[in-house]
Amino acid sequence: MLQQRLRSMWGRVFLLLFGASLLALHGCATSPDVWVDYNPSANFSQYKTFSFANPLDTDSDGYQSILSQRLISATQRELEARGMRRVHGSAQLQVNFKLLWTERAQVTTYAAPMLGLGYGYGYRSGWRSGLYGSWPLYPTQSYVTPYWESTLRIDIVDLAQRQRVWVGLISDFSSDPSAEASPYGLEAAVAAAFAKYPLALRVPMK
């Protein structure tokens, strides 16, 4: 009976520690991973106008999603800061977005301390039941935590040449595929990608 109670107690302690660690990991924000590539033969200084694909790949059901609106706002801000102008007619460059979700799993292994029970010599003559073992046992337990990893792709196409001249990939800037990305996280992710754009800033970012 005592052994079962101790095991139950350690089990509750372990679950509490495990839950607290998950909350700590969830609360730690990490910067997105950014990868870019571009056509080295393209003269980016010659591009003066840009537009957005209609519909965008991030749109759905025939309407412009909130995610698309935020991406447009963040990207337009970056391109205009580099001396370009958005037009709704004929443009030199066209921008499109695509959001990909990949389900992954994180395996976490913890040591679960347990105490053994048996018989030991008491202070009085004779034997009595009690705790024994000079060292506690630490069996390991592994838990698999599923999570979603997001990748945003920004494509910029030269419409006259009909070829992609720049692409930016931003991974893991949101943690829930069912929710819209937060404005702050999204803007920071887009800014991180355009920090590697071949054309330098012409207007200071506010």
Protein backbone atom coordinates (compact mmCIF):
# COMPACT_ATOMS: atom_id res chain seq x y z
CA MET A 1 0.00 0.00 0.00
CA LEU A 2 2.77 2.44 0.94
CA GLN A 3 4.69 1.57 -2.20
CA GLN A 4 1.66 2.34 -4.36
CA ARG A 5 1.17 5.68 -2.63
CA LEU A 6 4.79 6.67 -3.20
CA ARG A 7 4.62 5.70 -6.84
CA SER A 8 1.42 7.70 -7.23
CA MET A 9 3.04 10.68 -5.52
CA TRP A 10 6.11 10.59 -7.76
CA GLY A 11 3.87 10.19 -10.78
CA ARG A 12 1.98 13.38 -9.92
CA VAL A 13 5.22 15.26 -9.26
CA PHE A 14 6.62 14.11 -12.59
CA LEU A 15 3.53 15.18 -14.50
CA LEU A 16 3.63 18.61 -12.85
CA LEU A 17 7.30 19.08 -13.74
CA PHE A 18 6.70 17.85 -17.27
CA GLY A 19 3.77 20.22 -17.76
CA ALA A 20 5.77 23.15 -16.41
CA SER A 21 8.63 22.42 -18.79
CA LEU A 22 6.26 22.35 -21.76
CA LEU A 23 4.83 25.72 -20.76
CA ALA A 24 8.35 27.13 -20.48
CA LEU A 25 9.28 25.84 -23.91
CA HIS A 26 6.05 27.17 -25.40
CA GLY A 27 6.69 30.60 -23.93
CA CYS A 28 10.19 30.91 -25.37
CA ALA A 29 9.90 32.80 -28.65
CA THR A 30 12.51 32.04 -31.25
CA SER A 31 13.42 34.03 -34.31
CA PRO A 32 12.39 32.46 -37.63
CA ASP A 33 14.88 30.69 -39.87
CA VAL A 34 15.30 32.60 -43.14
CA TRP A 35 16.70 31.40 -46.46
CA VAL A 36 16.75 33.46 -49.65
CA ASP A 37 17.90 32.99 -53.22
CA TYR A 38 17.88 35.29 -56.22
CA ASN A 39 18.91 35.56 -59.85
CA PRO A 40 22.40 37.13 -59.83
CA SER A 41 21.97 38.34 -63.40
CA ALA A 42 18.86 40.39 -62.54
CA ASN A 43 19.38 44.14 -62.20
CA PHE A 44 17.27 44.89 -59.13
CA SER A 45 17.94 48.62 -59.34
CA GLN A 46 15.94 48.80 -62.59
CA TYR A 47 12.71 47.61 -60.97
CA LYS A 48 10.48 50.52 -60.01
CA THR A 49 6.98 49.04 -59.75
CA PHE A 50 5.43 45.94 -58.22
CA SER A 51 2.03 44.36 -57.76
CA PHE A 52 0.56 41.37 -55.95
CA ALA A 53 -0.81 38.25 -57.57
CA ASN A 54 -4.60 38.07 -57.72
CA PRO A 55 -5.56 35.76 -56.22
CA LEU A 56 -2.68 35.08 -53.87
CA ASP A 57 -1.86 31.51 -52.91
CA THR A 58 -2.64 32.46 -49.31
CA ASP A 59 -6.20 33.45 -50.29
CA SER A 60 -9.04 30.97 -49.94
CA ASP A 61 -12.63 30.47 -51.04
CA GLY A 62 -12.55 33.38 -53.45
CA TYR A 63 -11.71 36.08 -50.92
CA GLN A 64 -8.58 37.74 -49.59
CA SER A 65 -7.67 36.23 -46.23
CA ILE A 66 -6.55 38.22 -43.20
CA LEU A 67 -3.17 36.53 -43.54
CA SER A 68 -2.87 37.79 -47.13
CA GLN A 69 -3.76 41.32 -46.04
CA ARG A 70 -1.05 41.29 -43.39
CA LEU A 71 1.51 39.84 -45.78
CA ILE A 72 0.67 42.48 -48.37
CA SER A 73 1.05 45.26 -45.80
CA ALA A 74 4.39 43.97 -44.51
CA THR A 75 5.84 43.30 -47.98
CA GLN A 76 4.64 46.59 -49.44
CA ARG A 77 6.32 48.39 -46.56
CA GLU A 78 9.63 46.64 -47.29
CA LEU A 79 9.58 47.24 -51.05
CA GLU A 80 8.51 50.88 -50.78
CA ALA A 81 11.37 51.45 -48.34
CA ARG A 82 13.63 50.35 -51.18
CA GLY A 83 12.30 52.98 -53.57
CA MET A 84 9.66 50.90 -55.34
CA ARG A 85 6.01 51.77 -55.95
CA ARG A 86 2.95 49.54 -55.86
CA VAL A 87 0.68 49.68 -58.91
CA HIS A 88 -2.57 47.87 -59.67
CA GLY A 89 -2.05 47.70 -63.42
CA SER A 90 1.04 46.76 -65.38
CA ALA A 91 4.00 46.24 -63.03
CA GLN A 92 7.57 45.08 -63.50
CA LEU A 93 7.47 42.66 -60.56
CA GLN A 94 4.73 40.50 -59.13
CA VAL A 95 4.72 39.20 -55.55
CA ASN A 96 3.03 36.01 -54.37
CA PHE A 97 2.89 34.14 -51.06
CA LYS A 98 2.50 30.49 -50.20
CA LEU A 99 2.12 29.03 -46.71
CA LEU A 100 3.12 25.41 -46.08
CA TRP A 101 2.50 23.40 -42.91
CA THR A 102 4.45 20.30 -41.88
CA GLU A 103 3.51 18.17 -38.89
CA ARG A 104 6.52 17.18 -36.82
CA ALA A 105 7.17 15.53 -33.46
CA GLN A 106 9.48 16.40 -30.58
CA VAL A 107 10.67 13.55 -28.36
CA THR A 108 11.51 14.58 -24.79
CA THR A 109 13.09 12.15 -22.32
CA TYR A 110 12.89 12.74 -18.59
CA ALA A 111 14.28 10.93 -15.58
CA ALA A 112 11.47 9.81 -13.28
CA PRO A 113 12.86 9.31 -9.74
CA MET A 114 11.32 6.45 -7.76
CA LEU A 115 12.02 5.03 -4.30
CA GLY A 116 12.18 1.33 -3.49
CA LEU A 117 10.51 -0.30 -0.51
CA GLY A 118 11.69 -3.25 1.57
CA TYR A 119 12.82 -4.19 5.04
CA GLY A 120 15.54 -2.58 7.12
CA TYR A 121 16.89 -2.93 10.64
CA GLY A 122 15.12 -0.58 13.06
CA TYR A 123 16.30 1.27 16.13
CA ARG A 124 14.86 -1.42 18.35
CA SER A 125 15.73 -5.07 18.18
CA GLY A 126 14.05 -6.93 15.37
CA TRP A 127 13.00 -6.05 11.86
CA ARG A 128 10.44 -3.60 10.61
CA SER A 129 9.23 -2.42 7.26
CA GLY A 130 10.66 0.81 5.93
CA LEU A 131 12.49 2.54 3.08
CA TYR A 132 15.72 1.09 1.82
CA GLY A 133 18.27 1.70 -0.90
CA SER A 134 21.18 4.10 -0.62
CA TRP A 135 20.44 5.57 -4.08
CA PRO A 136 17.04 6.28 -5.67
CA LEU A 137 16.26 4.73 -9.04
CA TYR A 138 15.87 7.02 -12.05
CA PRO A 139 14.12 5.21 -14.91
CA THR A 140 13.60 7.34 -18.01
CA GLN A 141 10.32 8.14 -19.67
CA SER A 142 9.90 9.56 -23.15
CA TYR A 143 7.04 11.70 -24.38
CA VAL A 144 6.25 12.60 -27.97
CA THR A 145 4.82 16.09 -28.48
CA PRO A 146 3.38 16.78 -31.95
CA TYR A 147 3.68 20.29 -33.32
CA TRP A 148 3.26 22.13 -36.59
CA GLU A 149 6.12 23.82 -38.42
CA SER A 150 5.16 26.54 -40.86
CA THR A 151 7.09 27.76 -43.88
CA LEU A 152 6.20 30.95 -45.70
CA ARG A 153 7.47 31.36 -49.25
CA ILE A 154 7.64 34.80 -50.84
CA ASP A 155 8.06 34.74 -54.62
CA ILE A 156 8.98 37.78 -56.70
CA VAL A 157 8.63 37.34 -60.46
CA ASP A 158 9.85 39.49 -63.34
CA LEU A 159 6.67 39.70 -65.44
CA ALA A 160 8.44 40.74 -68.65
CA GLN A 161 10.90 37.83 -68.46
CA ARG A 162 8.32 35.51 -66.86
CA GLN A 163 10.84 34.18 -64.39
CA ARG A 164 11.37 34.26 -60.65
CA VAL A 165 14.11 36.68 -59.63
CA TRP A 166 13.89 36.38 -55.83
CA VAL A 167 12.51 33.89 -53.33
CA GLY A 168 12.45 34.02 -49.54
CA LEU A 169 11.65 31.09 -47.27
CA ILE A 170 10.72 31.77 -43.65
CA SER A 171 10.22 28.79 -41.38
CA ASP A 172 8.43 28.47 -38.04
CA PHE A 173 7.00 31.96 -37.59
CA SER A 174 3.68 30.66 -36.24
CA SER A 175 2.78 27.61 -34.15
CA ASP A 176 -0.85 26.93 -35.02
CA PRO A 177 -2.09 26.16 -38.56
CA SER A 178 -5.68 26.95 -37.56
CA ALA A 179 -4.89 30.51 -36.44
CA GLU A 180 -3.79 33.60 -38.31
CA ALA A 181 -0.19 34.61 -37.66
CA SER A 182 0.15 37.51 -35.25
CA PRO A 183 0.94 40.88 -36.87
CA TYR A 184 4.15 41.38 -34.87
CA GLY A 185 5.55 37.93 -35.59
CA LEU A 186 4.64 38.10 -39.25
CA GLU A 187 6.08 41.57 -39.80
CA ALA A 188 9.32 40.56 -38.08
CA ALA A 189 9.56 37.45 -40.25
CA VAL A 190 8.99 39.36 -43.49
CA ALA A 191 11.51 42.02 -42.43
CA ALA A 192 14.08 39.30 -41.69
CA ALA A 193 13.66 37.94 -45.22
CA PHE A 194 13.92 41.33 -46.94
CA ALA A 195 17.00 42.16 -44.89
CA LYS A 196 18.69 39.83 -47.41
CA TYR A 197 17.11 41.47 -50.46
CA PRO A 198 19.73 42.54 -53.05
CA LEU A 199 18.49 46.16 -53.03
CA ALA A 200 19.44 48.26 -50.00
CA LEU A 201 17.03 50.47 -48.09
CA ARG A 202 16.48 53.94 -49.53
CA VAL A 203 13.94 55.16 -46.99
CA PRO A 204 14.54 54.64 -43.25
CA MET A 205 12.13 52.12 -41.75
CA LYS A 206 9.79 53.63 -39.16
